[in-house]
Structures are given as C-alpha cells and as structure tokens.
Amino acid sequence: MASTRFRSDAGLTVRMTVVMLLLGVLYVSVAAALIWYGVSAVVVLILAAVGGLAQWYFSDKLALTAMRAHEVTPNQAPELHGMIDRLCALADMPKPRVAISDSDIPNAFATGRSPSTPWSA
C-alpha cells in the first residue's frame, strides 16, 4: 500500500463500504427480478456487463452532468486554479481539469477513471 501524509478516516471508509454493499445488493436484486420475470439469465448477464462498462466509461461525464458543472480555464477562475495548483503541489499529484457547478451549496468532488482522465469540480 502506498504511503501518504494524510491520516486515514475510518468513518469515511465505513460509509463507502456500506454504500458499495448496498449498490451490490441493488444490482443483484434487479438481476434476480429480471430472471424471475422470465428474462434469460444470459441476457441479464450481457445487460449487466454492458451496464457496468457504460458506468465505468461514462462515470465522470455523468457526475459532471448531474451537477451541471462546466470546465473553467485559469483565466476564468484564477483563484480556484491557484488553490488547486497549491493543493496538487502539496500532495505531489498531477493537476486535474477544473470545473465549476453553479450551486448555492458549497461542494467539491473529484471524478475520473484514471489519472489520465481526472476532473475536479
């Protein structure tokens, strides 16, 4: 496991594990319901595989669309880009693309499949 300067957050780990398990139960329940109603198990497996690949490939785009976020350049949001530059330098990470969601509620998230497709909003 890679070393980090940040302490682990047991509460966050528990919440993420519970959400992952609940999503797994939901997916299995939907597959079981489809099979129960007469859909072939092979068709259900193909649908599950296609759905899983689509979720993996489009997850960053879906998250940005759901938040109505749009990418901003350093000229459009210099303070935000400066803050992200400093955080990335401290964490020794590559700088992600930056997007802003016009919302009255403060929020921040990162999304992407790999370091080559990072987003920060």
Protein backbone atom coordinates (compact mmCIF):
# COMPACT_ATOMS: atom_id res chain seq x y z
CA MET A 1 0.00 0.00 0.00
CA ALA A 2 1.32 3.44 -0.87
CA SER A 3 2.38 5.69 1.97
CA THR A 4 0.63 9.00 2.48
CA ARG A 5 0.98 12.04 4.66
CA PHE A 6 -2.73 12.03 5.41
CA ARG A 7 -4.30 10.05 8.23
CA SER A 8 -6.97 7.53 7.35
CA ASP A 9 -10.62 8.27 8.05
CA ALA A 10 -12.31 5.16 9.44
CA GLY A 11 -15.78 6.74 9.26
CA LEU A 12 -15.37 7.54 5.57
CA THR A 13 -14.14 4.01 4.88
CA VAL A 14 -17.17 2.52 6.65
CA ARG A 15 -19.62 4.77 4.77
CA MET A 16 -18.02 3.95 1.42
CA THR A 17 -18.12 0.21 2.20
CA VAL A 18 -21.80 0.36 3.20
CA VAL A 19 -22.72 2.25 0.01
CA MET A 20 -20.77 -0.23 -2.11
CA LEU A 21 -22.52 -3.19 -0.45
CA LEU A 22 -25.96 -1.58 -0.83
CA LEU A 23 -25.31 -0.92 -4.53
CA GLY A 24 -24.24 -4.55 -4.93
CA VAL A 25 -27.48 -5.71 -3.27
CA LEU A 26 -29.47 -3.41 -5.56
CA TYR A 27 -27.77 -4.77 -8.71
CA VAL A 28 -28.25 -8.40 -7.63
CA SER A 29 -31.91 -7.70 -6.74
CA VAL A 30 -32.61 -6.18 -10.16
CA ALA A 31 -30.90 -9.11 -11.91
CA ALA A 32 -32.88 -11.60 -9.80
CA ALA A 33 -36.15 -9.76 -10.54
CA LEU A 34 -35.44 -9.83 -14.28
CA ILE A 35 -34.71 -13.56 -14.17
CA TRP A 36 -37.82 -14.12 -12.00
CA TYR A 37 -39.99 -12.38 -14.62
CA GLY A 38 -38.69 -14.67 -17.38
CA VAL A 39 -35.72 -12.84 -18.89
CA SER A 40 -32.96 -15.25 -19.85
CA ALA A 41 -30.00 -15.35 -17.45
CA VAL A 42 -27.62 -14.91 -20.42
CA VAL A 43 -29.45 -11.73 -21.45
CA VAL A 44 -29.29 -10.46 -17.88
CA LEU A 45 -25.53 -11.14 -17.74
CA ILE A 46 -24.99 -9.34 -21.06
CA LEU A 47 -27.06 -6.37 -19.86
CA ALA A 48 -25.11 -6.30 -16.59
CA ALA A 49 -21.77 -6.37 -18.44
CA VAL A 50 -22.80 -3.61 -20.86
CA GLY A 51 -24.23 -1.54 -17.99
CA GLY A 52 -21.08 -1.98 -15.91
CA LEU A 53 -18.81 -0.95 -18.78
CA ALA A 54 -21.03 2.05 -19.57
CA GLN A 55 -20.95 3.15 -15.91
CA TRP A 56 -17.17 2.83 -15.81
CA TYR A 57 -16.63 4.68 -19.08
CA PHE A 58 -19.20 7.50 -18.61
CA SER A 59 -18.99 7.94 -14.82
CA ASP A 60 -17.04 11.21 -14.96
CA LYS A 61 -19.36 12.68 -17.59
CA LEU A 62 -22.44 11.57 -15.64
CA ALA A 63 -21.19 13.16 -12.41
CA LEU A 64 -20.42 16.46 -14.15
CA THR A 65 -23.77 16.46 -15.95
CA ALA A 66 -25.66 15.65 -12.75
CA MET A 67 -24.02 18.64 -11.03
CA ARG A 68 -24.42 20.88 -14.11
CA ALA A 69 -20.69 21.58 -13.96
CA HIS A 70 -18.67 23.21 -16.71
CA GLU A 71 -14.92 23.30 -17.23
CA VAL A 72 -13.17 26.59 -16.45
CA THR A 73 -9.80 27.89 -17.59
CA PRO A 74 -7.21 29.63 -15.37
CA ASN A 75 -8.33 32.94 -16.93
CA GLN A 76 -11.96 32.33 -15.95
CA ALA A 77 -11.25 31.24 -12.33
CA PRO A 78 -7.70 32.26 -11.37
CA GLU A 79 -8.19 31.94 -7.58
CA LEU A 80 -9.65 28.46 -7.88
CA HIS A 81 -6.87 27.30 -10.21
CA GLY A 82 -4.27 28.80 -7.87
CA MET A 83 -5.73 26.95 -4.90
CA ILE A 84 -5.80 23.67 -6.82
CA ASP A 85 -2.21 24.25 -8.01
CA ARG A 86 -1.06 24.64 -4.38
CA LEU A 87 -3.01 21.57 -3.19
CA CYS A 88 -1.61 19.45 -6.01
CA ALA A 89 1.93 20.61 -5.23
CA LEU A 90 1.48 19.74 -1.53
CA ALA A 91 0.04 16.31 -2.33
CA ASP A 92 2.55 15.68 -5.14
CA MET A 93 -0.27 14.96 -7.59
CA PRO A 94 -0.89 15.98 -11.19
CA LYS A 95 -3.30 18.88 -11.63
CA PRO A 96 -6.77 17.80 -12.79
CA ARG A 97 -9.06 19.63 -15.15
CA VAL A 98 -11.23 22.02 -13.15
CA ALA A 99 -14.98 22.51 -13.43
CA ILE A 100 -17.45 24.70 -11.56
CA SER A 101 -21.01 23.86 -10.64
CA ASP A 102 -23.24 26.91 -10.18
CA SER A 103 -24.85 25.99 -6.87
CA ASP A 104 -25.75 27.89 -3.72
CA ILE A 105 -24.46 24.98 -1.63
CA PRO A 106 -20.66 24.72 -1.27
CA ASN A 107 -19.45 21.42 -2.66
CA ALA A 108 -16.33 19.82 -4.08
CA PHE A 109 -15.66 16.47 -5.68
CA ALA A 110 -13.25 14.72 -7.97
CA THR A 111 -14.16 12.21 -10.63
CA GLY A 112 -12.43 10.24 -13.32
CA ARG A 113 -11.47 6.73 -14.30
CA SER A 114 -7.71 7.18 -14.06
CA PRO A 115 -5.02 9.84 -13.66
CA SER A 116 -5.24 10.43 -17.42
CA THR A 117 -8.94 11.44 -17.13
CA PRO A 118 -9.18 13.43 -13.86
CA TRP A 119 -11.78 16.05 -13.09
CA SER A 120 -12.15 18.34 -10.10
CA ALA A 121 -15.31 20.31 -9.54
